[in-house]
C-alpha cells in the first residue's frame, strides 16, 4: 500500500489558516498486458516524487497478485475490461477527485483509453515507452527485429512459422531483442520477477498481444486511438528512450501534435524499461506530475 500523509494546517495571509492536502497520488500502470508491477518498483526511488506524494502500484487482473482467470478467452480479455478495473481501483482507494496516471508500454495504451473516459479527477498523464496504435508499435518493433543478427532472425522465423513459442531456442532468441530494447543492463531482481510471472502465466499476454514483443498476433493487434488523441483533455508528458522498442522518432511527434498540452522527452541511454535503465531522467523532466 502507498505511504499516505495526513493533512496539516498551515498559516496563510491575514492570519487565516487553511488545511493543506498531500499532492494527488500517482497511479502506475505496468506493461504487458499480463505483466506485473514489479519491474516498475524503482519509480518509488525517485526522491523528488516519492517524498512528495503516494505512488500506487498494482497488478492488473490476470496475473501477479491479482485474480487469475486461466480459462478465459479473448472475449473476456479486452481493453475495456482493464479500463473498468482501473476505475474500480481509483474508486476503492478514494482518489477519484485527485490523481495522476503513469502508463508504461501497454500501460500507456491503458492510460490513454482511461483518459478518453474523461475522469474528472485525472490531473495529468505520463506516457512512457508507448504508442497510440498496436500496429504502429508492431511495425517499429519489426524494424528493430530486422536489425538483429542473421542467425537470431533465422531462429525467430523458424519458430514463429511453426508456432513453437515455448521452445528454449525461441526464448533465447527473444532475449537478444529484449537485451537491446527492453532492459539493457543485467536484469535487476524486479525485472526478473515480472518475466517469471509472465512465464508462469502467459494467458493474458499471449491472448491480447502474442508470443513476443515483435510477433504481435493477439486479439488486440488492431487496437488504435490515433484518431481520438485530440479528445484527451489533460496534459501529457511523453517519455521514450533512444533504444526503446516503442521507437520515439515518429510516435512522440505524432502524439504531441494531436494531444493537448503534450511534451516529449527522450532519454539517451534508456530502453523500454525506464525505471531500471534510466530511472532518474524521465519523470522530473516535465510538468505533468505537479503539486496541483
Protein backbone atom coordinates (compact mmCIF):
# COMPACT_ATOMS: atom_id res chain seq x y z
CA UNK A 1 0.00 0.00 0.00
CA UNK A 2 1.24 3.52 -0.67
CA UNK A 3 2.50 5.62 2.16
CA UNK A 4 -0.10 8.23 2.99
CA UNK A 5 0.46 11.57 4.70
CA UNK A 6 -2.18 13.27 6.82
CA UNK A 7 -3.44 16.76 6.06
CA UNK A 8 -1.92 19.63 8.06
CA UNK A 9 -2.85 23.20 8.89
CA UNK A 10 -0.63 25.97 7.53
CA UNK A 11 -0.64 29.72 8.02
CA UNK A 12 -1.84 31.97 5.18
CA UNK A 13 -2.01 35.78 4.77
CA UNK A 14 -4.33 37.82 7.01
CA UNK A 15 -3.87 35.41 9.86
CA UNK A 16 -6.23 32.80 8.47
CA UNK A 17 -5.44 29.10 8.47
CA UNK A 18 -6.26 26.52 5.86
CA UNK A 19 -5.89 22.77 5.59
CA UNK A 20 -3.30 21.64 3.06
CA UNK A 21 -3.67 18.23 1.48
CA UNK A 22 -0.89 15.99 0.18
CA UNK A 23 -0.30 16.12 -3.57
CA UNK A 24 -2.51 13.91 -5.73
CA UNK A 25 -1.17 10.35 -5.83
CA UNK A 26 0.38 8.79 -8.90
CA UNK A 27 -1.19 5.56 -10.16
CA UNK A 28 1.34 3.45 -12.10
CA UNK A 29 0.11 1.18 -14.90
CA UNK A 30 2.53 -1.61 -15.80
CA UNK A 31 3.13 -3.12 -19.19
CA UNK A 32 2.14 -6.42 -20.74
CA UNK A 33 -0.71 -6.85 -21.00
CA UNK A 34 -0.42 -9.58 -18.43
CA UNK A 35 2.74 -8.30 -16.78
CA UNK A 36 3.15 -7.26 -13.16
CA UNK A 37 4.14 -4.11 -11.33
CA UNK A 38 7.48 -5.46 -10.04
CA UNK A 39 9.75 -4.06 -12.76
CA UNK A 40 8.47 -0.52 -12.12
CA UNK A 41 9.06 -0.54 -8.36
CA UNK A 42 12.17 1.62 -8.65
CA UNK A 43 9.92 4.54 -9.63
CA UNK A 44 9.31 4.86 -5.91
CA UNK A 45 13.03 5.60 -5.50
CA UNK A 46 12.64 8.90 -7.30
CA UNK A 47 13.18 11.13 -4.29
CA UNK A 48 11.59 14.20 -5.85
CA UNK A 49 8.42 12.21 -6.46
CA UNK A 50 8.07 9.67 -3.66
CA UNK A 51 8.87 12.16 -0.89
CA UNK A 52 6.02 14.39 -2.01
CA UNK A 53 3.21 12.05 -2.98
CA UNK A 54 1.91 8.50 -2.79
CA UNK A 55 2.94 6.20 -5.65
CA UNK A 56 0.41 3.44 -6.20
CA UNK A 57 1.47 0.17 -7.83
CA UNK A 58 -0.91 -2.71 -8.52
CA UNK A 59 -1.02 -5.90 -10.56
CA UNK A 60 -3.68 -5.73 -13.23
CA UNK A 61 -6.26 -8.50 -13.34
CA UNK A 62 -4.98 -11.77 -14.77
CA UNK A 63 -1.50 -12.11 -13.27
CA UNK A 64 0.75 -11.44 -10.32
CA UNK A 65 -1.04 -10.89 -7.02
CA UNK A 66 -4.33 -10.12 -8.77
CA UNK A 67 -7.02 -12.66 -9.64
CA UNK A 68 -6.06 -15.15 -12.36
CA UNK A 69 -8.55 -16.44 -14.92
CA UNK A 70 -6.58 -19.06 -16.86
CA UNK A 71 -9.61 -20.45 -18.69
CA UNK A 72 -10.95 -17.14 -20.05
CA UNK A 73 -10.59 -16.33 -23.75
CA UNK A 74 -10.25 -13.26 -25.95
CA UNK A 75 -13.87 -12.26 -25.42
CA UNK A 76 -13.03 -11.67 -21.75
CA UNK A 77 -9.55 -10.12 -22.08
CA UNK A 78 -10.41 -6.76 -23.63
CA UNK A 79 -9.04 -3.25 -23.26
CA UNK A 80 -12.41 -2.21 -21.86
CA UNK A 81 -12.02 -4.72 -19.00
CA UNK A 82 -8.78 -3.10 -17.87
CA UNK A 83 -10.26 0.39 -18.11
CA UNK A 84 -13.16 -0.68 -15.88
CA UNK A 85 -10.73 -2.24 -13.42
CA UNK A 86 -8.74 1.00 -13.24
CA UNK A 87 -11.90 2.96 -12.50
CA UNK A 88 -12.73 0.43 -9.77
CA UNK A 89 -9.26 0.86 -8.25
CA UNK A 90 -9.49 4.65 -8.22
CA UNK A 91 -12.88 4.44 -6.53
CA UNK A 92 -11.77 1.84 -3.99
CA UNK A 93 -8.79 3.96 -2.94
CA UNK A 94 -10.90 7.10 -2.66
CA UNK A 95 -8.75 9.12 -5.07
CA UNK A 96 -11.23 9.76 -7.87
CA UNK A 97 -11.19 13.51 -7.27
CA UNK A 98 -7.38 13.96 -7.50
CA UNK A 99 -4.87 11.65 -9.16
CA UNK A 100 -2.23 11.37 -11.86
CA UNK A 101 -1.58 8.34 -14.06
CA UNK A 102 1.68 6.99 -15.45
CA UNK A 103 1.38 4.27 -18.07
CA UNK A 104 4.40 2.35 -19.35
CA UNK A 105 4.28 0.33 -22.61
CA UNK A 106 0.86 -1.40 -22.62
CA UNK A 107 0.13 0.66 -19.52
CA UNK A 108 0.33 3.71 -21.79
CA UNK A 109 -2.35 2.24 -24.04
CA UNK A 110 -4.47 1.74 -20.94
CA UNK A 111 -3.75 5.26 -19.66
CA UNK A 112 -4.84 6.75 -22.99
CA UNK A 113 -8.07 4.77 -23.01
CA UNK A 114 -8.71 5.74 -19.40
CA UNK A 115 -8.17 9.42 -20.21
CA UNK A 116 -10.67 9.15 -23.05
CA UNK A 117 -13.38 8.35 -20.50
CA UNK A 118 -12.78 11.88 -19.14
CA UNK A 119 -12.29 11.09 -15.44
CA UNK A 120 -12.93 14.42 -13.70
CA UNK A 121 -10.17 13.97 -11.11
CA UNK A 122 -7.41 12.98 -13.54
CA UNK A 123 -4.85 15.78 -13.36
CA UNK A 124 -2.27 14.68 -15.95
CA UNK A 125 -0.66 11.73 -17.73
CA UNK A 126 2.84 10.38 -18.17
CA UNK A 127 3.05 8.11 -21.23
CA UNK A 128 6.29 6.15 -21.15
CA UNK A 129 7.65 3.92 -23.92
CA UNK A 130 4.25 3.54 -25.53
CA UNK A 131 2.20 4.32 -28.65
CA UNK A 132 -1.32 5.11 -29.79
CA UNK A 133 -1.59 2.10 -32.11
CA UNK A 134 -0.69 -1.54 -31.52
CA UNK A 135 0.00 -1.94 -35.24
CA UNK A 136 2.41 1.02 -35.22
CA UNK A 137 4.17 -0.46 -32.21
CA UNK A 138 4.46 -3.80 -34.02
CA UNK A 139 5.79 -2.13 -37.15
CA UNK A 140 8.51 -0.28 -35.27
CA UNK A 141 9.42 -3.37 -33.24
CA UNK A 142 9.64 -5.27 -36.50
CA UNK A 143 12.24 -2.84 -37.80
CA UNK A 144 14.31 -3.42 -34.68
CA UNK A 145 13.89 -7.18 -35.11
CA UNK A 146 15.23 -6.87 -38.66
CA UNK A 147 18.43 -5.38 -37.23
CA UNK A 148 19.16 -8.46 -35.10
CA UNK A 149 21.97 -10.83 -36.13
CA UNK A 150 21.08 -13.09 -39.04
CA UNK A 151 21.23 -16.31 -37.02
CA UNK A 152 18.89 -14.85 -34.38
CA UNK A 153 16.40 -13.78 -37.05
CA UNK A 154 16.54 -17.25 -38.61
CA UNK A 155 15.73 -18.84 -35.26
CA UNK A 156 12.82 -16.48 -34.71
CA UNK A 157 11.50 -17.10 -38.23
CA UNK A 158 11.67 -20.88 -37.78
CA UNK A 159 9.74 -20.99 -34.54
CA UNK A 160 7.22 -18.31 -35.47
CA UNK A 161 6.37 -20.28 -38.61
CA UNK A 162 5.99 -23.47 -36.57
CA UNK A 163 4.22 -21.83 -33.63
CA UNK A 164 6.76 -23.32 -31.20
CA UNK A 165 6.97 -20.30 -28.93
CA UNK A 166 7.88 -22.27 -25.80
CA UNK A 167 10.94 -23.83 -27.40
CA UNK A 168 14.03 -22.75 -25.40
CA UNK A 169 15.73 -21.80 -28.66
CA UNK A 170 12.96 -19.29 -29.43
CA UNK A 171 13.06 -17.93 -25.89
CA UNK A 172 16.83 -17.38 -26.11
CA UNK A 173 16.47 -15.61 -29.45
CA UNK A 174 13.82 -13.30 -27.97
CA UNK A 175 16.20 -12.43 -25.15
CA UNK A 176 18.63 -10.97 -27.69
CA UNK A 177 15.96 -8.45 -28.67
CA UNK A 178 14.98 -7.81 -25.06
CA UNK A 179 18.61 -7.20 -24.14
CA UNK A 180 18.78 -4.45 -26.76
CA UNK A 181 15.38 -2.82 -26.45
CA UNK A 182 13.70 -3.76 -23.16
CA UNK A 183 16.40 -3.81 -20.46
CA UNK A 184 19.99 -3.10 -21.49
CA UNK A 185 21.61 -3.83 -18.14
CA UNK A 186 21.86 -7.12 -16.22
CA UNK A 187 18.31 -7.75 -15.17
CA UNK A 188 17.57 -6.48 -11.66
CA UNK A 189 15.50 -8.74 -9.43
CA UNK A 190 12.32 -6.74 -10.03
CA UNK A 191 12.62 -7.15 -13.82
CA UNK A 192 13.30 -10.87 -13.48
CA UNK A 193 10.26 -11.15 -11.20
CA UNK A 194 7.92 -9.76 -13.85
CA UNK A 195 9.27 -12.10 -16.51
CA UNK A 196 8.90 -15.03 -14.10
CA UNK A 197 5.25 -14.17 -13.63
CA UNK A 198 4.81 -14.00 -17.40
CA UNK A 199 6.46 -17.38 -17.81
CA UNK A 200 4.21 -18.97 -15.18
CA UNK A 201 1.05 -17.42 -16.57
CA UNK A 202 1.24 -16.10 -20.15
CA UNK A 203 -2.53 -16.23 -20.75
CA UNK A 204 -3.28 -12.51 -20.89
CA UNK A 205 -0.08 -11.58 -22.73
CA UNK A 206 -0.45 -14.22 -25.42
CA UNK A 207 -4.19 -13.68 -25.82
CA UNK A 208 -4.08 -9.93 -26.27
CA UNK A 209 -0.56 -9.36 -27.61
CA UNK A 210 1.03 -12.56 -28.87
CA UNK A 211 4.13 -14.61 -28.02
CA UNK A 212 6.69 -11.78 -28.03
CA UNK A 213 7.21 -8.03 -28.22
CA UNK A 214 7.64 -8.14 -32.00
CA UNK A 215 5.39 -11.04 -33.11
CA UNK A 216 2.08 -9.40 -32.30
CA UNK A 217 -0.76 -11.64 -33.40
CA UNK A 218 -3.11 -11.35 -30.42
CA UNK A 219 -6.71 -10.24 -30.22
CA UNK A 220 -5.79 -6.56 -29.77
CA UNK A 221 -3.34 -6.30 -32.68
CA UNK A 222 -5.61 -3.82 -34.47
CA UNK A 223 -6.23 -1.55 -31.47
CA UNK A 224 -5.57 2.15 -32.05
CA UNK A 225 -6.74 5.55 -30.83
CA UNK A 226 -4.71 7.80 -33.14
CA UNK A 227 -7.83 9.45 -34.46
CA UNK A 228 -9.05 10.18 -30.92
CA UNK A 229 -5.93 11.59 -29.31
CA UNK A 230 -7.27 15.12 -29.63
CA UNK A 231 -10.06 14.11 -27.21
CA UNK A 232 -7.59 13.67 -24.35
CA UNK A 233 -8.13 16.81 -22.29
CA UNK A 234 -5.24 16.54 -19.88
CA UNK A 235 -1.57 17.46 -20.15
CA UNK A 236 0.69 14.57 -21.11
CA UNK A 237 4.41 14.05 -20.71
CA UNK A 238 5.64 11.58 -23.35
CA UNK A 239 8.80 9.70 -22.43
CA UNK A 240 10.91 7.45 -24.65
CA UNK A 241 14.43 6.08 -24.81
CA UNK A 242 16.93 6.04 -27.66
CA UNK A 243 16.94 2.23 -27.74
CA UNK A 244 13.26 1.88 -26.91
CA UNK A 245 11.20 -0.78 -28.67
CA UNK A 246 8.48 1.89 -28.84
CA UNK A 247 10.71 3.99 -31.07
CA UNK A 248 10.44 7.68 -30.17
CA UNK A 249 11.21 9.32 -33.52
CA UNK A 250 7.75 9.23 -35.13
CA UNK A 251 5.48 8.30 -32.25
CA UNK A 252 6.33 11.21 -29.98
CA UNK A 253 5.94 13.83 -32.69
CA UNK A 254 2.60 12.44 -33.82
CA UNK A 255 1.25 12.23 -30.29
CA UNK A 256 2.43 15.74 -29.42
CA UNK A 257 0.71 17.17 -32.47
CA UNK A 258 -2.63 15.59 -31.61
CA UNK A 259 -2.76 15.64 -27.80
CA UNK A 260 -3.49 18.76 -25.79
CA UNK A 261 -0.54 20.25 -23.88
CA UNK A 262 1.76 17.34 -24.69
CA UNK A 263 5.50 17.49 -24.31
CA UNK A 264 8.11 14.85 -25.13
CA UNK A 265 11.46 13.84 -23.74
CA UNK A 266 13.94 11.21 -24.93
CA UNK A 267 16.36 9.56 -22.50
CA UNK A 268 19.53 8.90 -24.46
CA UNK A 269 20.63 5.82 -22.52
CA UNK A 270 17.34 4.07 -21.97
CA UNK A 271 15.47 1.14 -23.46
CA UNK A 272 11.88 0.03 -22.86
CA UNK A 273 12.11 -0.31 -19.06
CA UNK A 274 12.93 3.24 -17.95
CA UNK A 275 12.63 2.54 -14.26
CA UNK A 276 15.61 0.19 -14.41
CA UNK A 277 17.75 1.53 -17.25
CA UNK A 278 17.50 5.28 -16.65
CA UNK A 279 15.07 5.87 -13.81
CA UNK A 280 16.44 9.27 -12.82
CA UNK A 281 15.83 11.06 -16.09
CA UNK A 282 12.23 10.86 -17.16
CA UNK A 283 9.64 11.99 -14.66
CA UNK A 284 11.48 15.00 -13.34
CA UNK A 285 11.92 16.46 -16.82
CA UNK A 286 8.36 17.53 -17.49
CA UNK A 287 5.44 19.42 -15.98
CA UNK A 288 2.81 16.73 -15.79
CA UNK A 289 3.19 15.40 -12.27
CA UNK A 290 2.58 18.66 -10.48
CA UNK A 291 1.57 19.55 -6.98
CA UNK A 292 -1.90 20.56 -8.07
